[in-house]
Amino acid sequence: MQFEHLGNAPRIHPDAVIAPTAVLSGDITIGAGTQVLHGAVITAEGGPITLGENVIVMENALIRASATNPVHIGDHVLVGPMASISGATVGNEVFLATGTRVFNGARVGDRSEVRINAVVHLRTVLPEQTIVPIGWVAVGNPAQILPADRHEEIWAAQKELDFPGYVFGLDRETPDLMAQLTERYGSSLSRHRHDRRVD
């Protein structure tokens, strides 16, 4: 299913293959030989999404751009089942395994591997050919790559990256942070009520 969102409709190369149950919404460009499998969702929430050539987006993956963080995925990238990319740049020949998460402002260098259930956190930069092991967390610039059980070290680096401030423009110390966050984000997402199906 393809939708026009905020006046932009997906642009798909004729050699790309999009499963009938995939959802594409907004300012999306998909290159030659790219395949988007069943249940995948690619949604441009005010910023563009570009998928290069010969990208494979597997079942139930989510790719989301925002007005401040577009998404660019290079050529020959595999986005595994249930992976999530939000407002990030992914280089060429990258493997993002099942269940990986890549957050806003992150950059994943060419020929890197983010293995099963690993995380590349907000504004984290992975140099070329970096490996993030199964279930580990990459955080910061320069990136620290830490096992999930080292939460205090991850939090120390992550806190400086300021997720609520960077993504939502809100101070983490706001007493009603979640109330403001959900209202602000909900208002932005409500723009989908005017979407128009184009396929």
Protein backbone atom coordinates (compact mmCIF):
# COMPACT_ATOMS: atom_id res chain seq x y z
CA MET A 1 0.00 0.00 0.00
CA GLN A 2 1.31 3.42 -0.93
CA PHE A 3 0.17 6.73 0.49
CA GLU A 4 0.69 10.37 -0.32
CA HIS A 5 1.63 12.16 2.91
CA LEU A 6 2.13 15.93 3.23
CA GLY A 7 1.86 16.23 -0.56
CA ASN A 8 4.56 13.61 -1.32
CA ALA A 9 4.07 10.14 -2.75
CA PRO A 10 6.62 7.31 -2.94
CA ARG A 11 8.82 7.14 -6.05
CA ILE A 12 9.74 3.55 -6.83
CA HIS A 13 12.16 2.37 -9.50
CA PRO A 14 10.39 0.04 -11.96
CA ASP A 15 12.87 -2.75 -11.13
CA ALA A 16 12.09 -2.61 -7.39
CA VAL A 17 9.66 -5.13 -5.87
CA ILE A 18 7.25 -4.02 -3.15
CA ALA A 19 5.13 -6.65 -1.38
CA PRO A 20 1.40 -5.90 -1.43
CA THR A 21 1.24 -5.83 2.38
CA ALA A 22 4.15 -3.40 2.79
CA VAL A 23 3.23 0.22 3.64
CA LEU A 24 5.04 3.16 2.05
CA SER A 25 3.99 6.66 3.09
CA GLY A 26 5.31 10.04 1.95
CA ASP A 27 8.56 11.32 0.47
CA ILE A 28 10.28 8.00 -0.29
CA THR A 29 12.67 7.15 -3.12
CA ILE A 30 13.43 3.48 -3.78
CA GLY A 31 16.26 2.43 -6.09
CA ALA A 32 16.62 -0.31 -8.70
CA GLY A 33 16.60 -3.91 -7.54
CA THR A 34 15.39 -3.04 -4.04
CA GLN A 35 12.87 -5.34 -2.39
CA VAL A 36 10.49 -4.47 0.42
CA LEU A 37 8.91 -7.58 1.92
CA HIS A 38 5.55 -8.27 3.60
CA GLY A 39 4.61 -6.18 6.60
CA ALA A 40 7.47 -3.68 6.28
CA VAL A 41 6.58 -0.05 7.00
CA ILE A 42 8.51 2.85 5.45
CA THR A 43 7.12 6.19 6.57
CA ALA A 44 8.47 9.67 5.86
CA GLU A 45 7.13 11.82 8.71
CA GLY A 46 8.10 15.19 7.23
CA GLY A 47 11.62 14.26 6.08
CA PRO A 48 12.68 12.19 3.06
CA ILE A 49 13.70 8.53 2.94
CA THR A 50 16.08 7.25 0.27
CA LEU A 51 16.82 3.57 -0.27
CA GLY A 52 19.63 2.88 -2.74
CA GLU A 53 19.96 0.00 -5.16
CA ASN A 54 19.61 -3.67 -4.22
CA VAL A 55 18.44 -2.99 -0.68
CA ILE A 56 16.40 -5.72 1.02
CA VAL A 57 13.92 -4.64 3.68
CA MET A 58 12.65 -7.81 5.31
CA GLU A 59 9.35 -8.66 6.97
CA ASN A 60 7.98 -6.28 9.59
CA ALA A 61 10.94 -3.90 9.49
CA LEU A 62 10.26 -0.22 10.23
CA ILE A 63 12.02 2.72 8.56
CA ARG A 64 10.93 6.18 9.75
CA ALA A 65 12.18 9.69 8.93
CA SER A 66 11.33 12.91 10.74
CA ALA A 67 11.50 16.54 9.64
CA THR A 68 14.84 16.94 11.43
CA ASN A 69 16.25 13.48 10.66
CA PRO A 70 15.84 12.07 7.15
CA VAL A 71 16.85 8.50 6.36
CA HIS A 72 19.42 7.52 3.78
CA ILE A 73 20.24 3.86 3.17
CA GLY A 74 23.02 3.09 0.70
CA ASP A 75 23.32 0.27 -1.83
CA HIS A 76 23.39 -3.47 -1.07
CA VAL A 77 22.02 -3.14 2.48
CA LEU A 78 20.03 -5.85 4.24
CA VAL A 79 17.54 -4.65 6.86
CA GLY A 80 16.51 -7.73 8.83
CA PRO A 81 13.07 -8.79 10.05
CA MET A 82 11.68 -6.56 12.80
CA ALA A 83 14.62 -4.15 12.53
CA SER A 84 13.98 -0.46 13.09
CA ILE A 85 15.73 2.56 11.57
CA SER A 86 14.64 6.00 12.70
CA GLY A 87 16.16 9.14 11.18
CA ALA A 88 19.58 7.60 10.47
CA THR A 89 22.16 7.30 7.69
CA VAL A 90 23.28 3.80 6.72
CA GLY A 91 26.21 3.34 4.36
CA ASN A 92 26.74 0.79 1.58
CA GLU A 93 26.93 -2.98 2.07
CA VAL A 94 25.67 -2.86 5.66
CA PHE A 95 24.01 -5.79 7.45
CA LEU A 96 21.37 -4.87 10.04
CA ALA A 97 20.28 -8.19 11.54
CA THR A 98 16.92 -9.25 12.97
CA GLY A 99 15.62 -6.94 15.69
CA THR A 100 18.32 -4.29 15.41
CA ARG A 101 17.54 -0.67 16.32
CA VAL A 102 19.23 2.36 14.76
CA PHE A 103 18.13 5.68 16.25
CA ASN A 104 17.85 9.31 15.15
CA GLY A 105 20.99 11.03 13.95
CA ALA A 106 23.05 7.81 13.94
CA ARG A 107 25.47 7.05 11.12
CA VAL A 108 26.45 3.49 10.25
CA GLY A 109 29.59 3.26 8.12
CA ASP A 110 30.02 1.16 4.96
CA ARG A 111 30.34 -2.60 5.37
CA SER A 112 29.38 -2.55 9.05
CA GLU A 113 27.37 -5.27 10.81
CA VAL A 114 24.84 -4.66 13.54
CA ARG A 115 24.01 -8.14 14.74
CA ILE A 116 20.78 -9.62 16.19
CA ASN A 117 18.99 -7.33 18.68
CA ALA A 118 21.90 -4.87 18.83
CA VAL A 119 21.33 -1.12 19.15
CA VAL A 120 23.00 1.89 17.52
CA HIS A 121 21.87 4.70 19.76
CA LEU A 122 20.93 8.30 19.08
CA ARG A 123 23.62 10.38 17.28
CA THR A 124 26.08 7.48 17.44
CA VAL A 125 28.67 7.21 14.67
CA LEU A 126 29.98 3.80 13.61
CA PRO A 127 33.10 3.95 11.42
CA GLU A 128 33.34 1.72 8.35
CA GLN A 129 33.51 -2.02 8.98
CA THR A 130 32.36 -1.80 12.60
CA ILE A 131 30.71 -4.84 14.20
CA VAL A 132 28.17 -4.44 17.00
CA PRO A 133 27.85 -7.92 18.60
CA ILE A 134 24.56 -9.69 19.29
CA GLY A 135 22.54 -7.75 21.85
CA TRP A 136 25.22 -5.10 22.44
CA VAL A 137 24.76 -1.31 22.38
CA ALA A 138 26.79 1.23 20.39
CA VAL A 139 26.55 4.69 21.90
CA GLY A 140 28.28 8.02 21.32
CA ASN A 141 30.74 9.65 18.96
CA PRO A 142 33.25 8.15 18.99
CA ALA A 143 31.15 5.05 19.52
CA GLN A 144 31.54 2.91 22.61
CA ILE A 145 30.34 -0.64 22.02
CA LEU A 146 29.15 -2.18 25.26
CA PRO A 147 27.25 -5.30 26.38
CA ALA A 148 23.72 -4.62 27.60
CA ASP A 149 24.61 -5.58 31.19
CA ARG A 150 26.84 -2.49 31.48
CA HIS A 151 23.81 -0.26 31.83
CA GLU A 152 25.46 2.44 33.95
CA GLU A 153 28.15 3.06 31.32
CA ILE A 154 25.58 3.03 28.51
CA TRP A 155 23.36 5.44 30.43
CA ALA A 156 26.26 7.79 31.16
CA ALA A 157 26.99 8.11 27.43
CA GLN A 158 23.34 8.06 26.40
CA LYS A 159 22.30 10.80 28.84
CA GLU A 160 24.70 13.24 27.15
CA LEU A 161 23.09 12.45 23.79
CA ASP A 162 19.78 13.86 25.16
CA PHE A 163 17.10 11.73 23.49
CA PRO A 164 14.05 13.83 24.55
CA GLY A 165 15.79 17.10 23.67
CA TYR A 166 17.19 15.94 20.34
CA VAL A 167 14.14 14.07 19.07
CA PHE A 168 11.26 15.97 20.69
CA GLY A 169 12.75 19.33 21.74
CA LEU A 170 11.90 18.71 25.40
CA ASP A 171 14.02 18.98 28.54
CA ARG A 172 14.42 15.60 30.28
CA GLU A 173 13.82 17.34 33.65
CA THR A 174 10.34 18.57 32.65
CA PRO A 175 7.97 17.29 35.38
CA ASP A 176 5.29 16.22 32.90
CA LEU A 177 7.75 15.06 30.21
CA MET A 178 5.69 12.13 28.95
CA ALA A 179 2.48 14.19 28.85
CA GLN A 180 4.16 16.87 26.73
CA LEU A 181 6.00 14.32 24.59
CA THR A 182 2.92 12.26 23.72
CA GLU A 183 0.80 15.34 23.02
CA ARG A 184 3.46 16.90 20.78
CA TYR A 185 4.22 13.66 18.95
CA GLY A 186 0.54 12.76 18.66
CA SER A 187 -0.19 16.13 17.08
CA SER A 188 2.54 15.52 14.51
CA LEU A 189 1.36 12.00 13.74
CA SER A 190 -2.25 13.18 13.35
CA ARG A 191 -1.24 14.70 10.00
CA HIS A 192 -1.77 11.19 8.60
CA ARG A 193 -5.52 11.76 8.73
CA HIS A 194 -5.15 13.59 5.39
CA ASP A 195 -3.11 10.86 3.66
CA ARG A 196 -4.34 9.60 0.31
CA ARG A 197 -3.77 6.11 -1.04
CA VAL A 198 -2.00 6.25 -4.42
CA ASP A 199 -1.71 2.62 -5.55
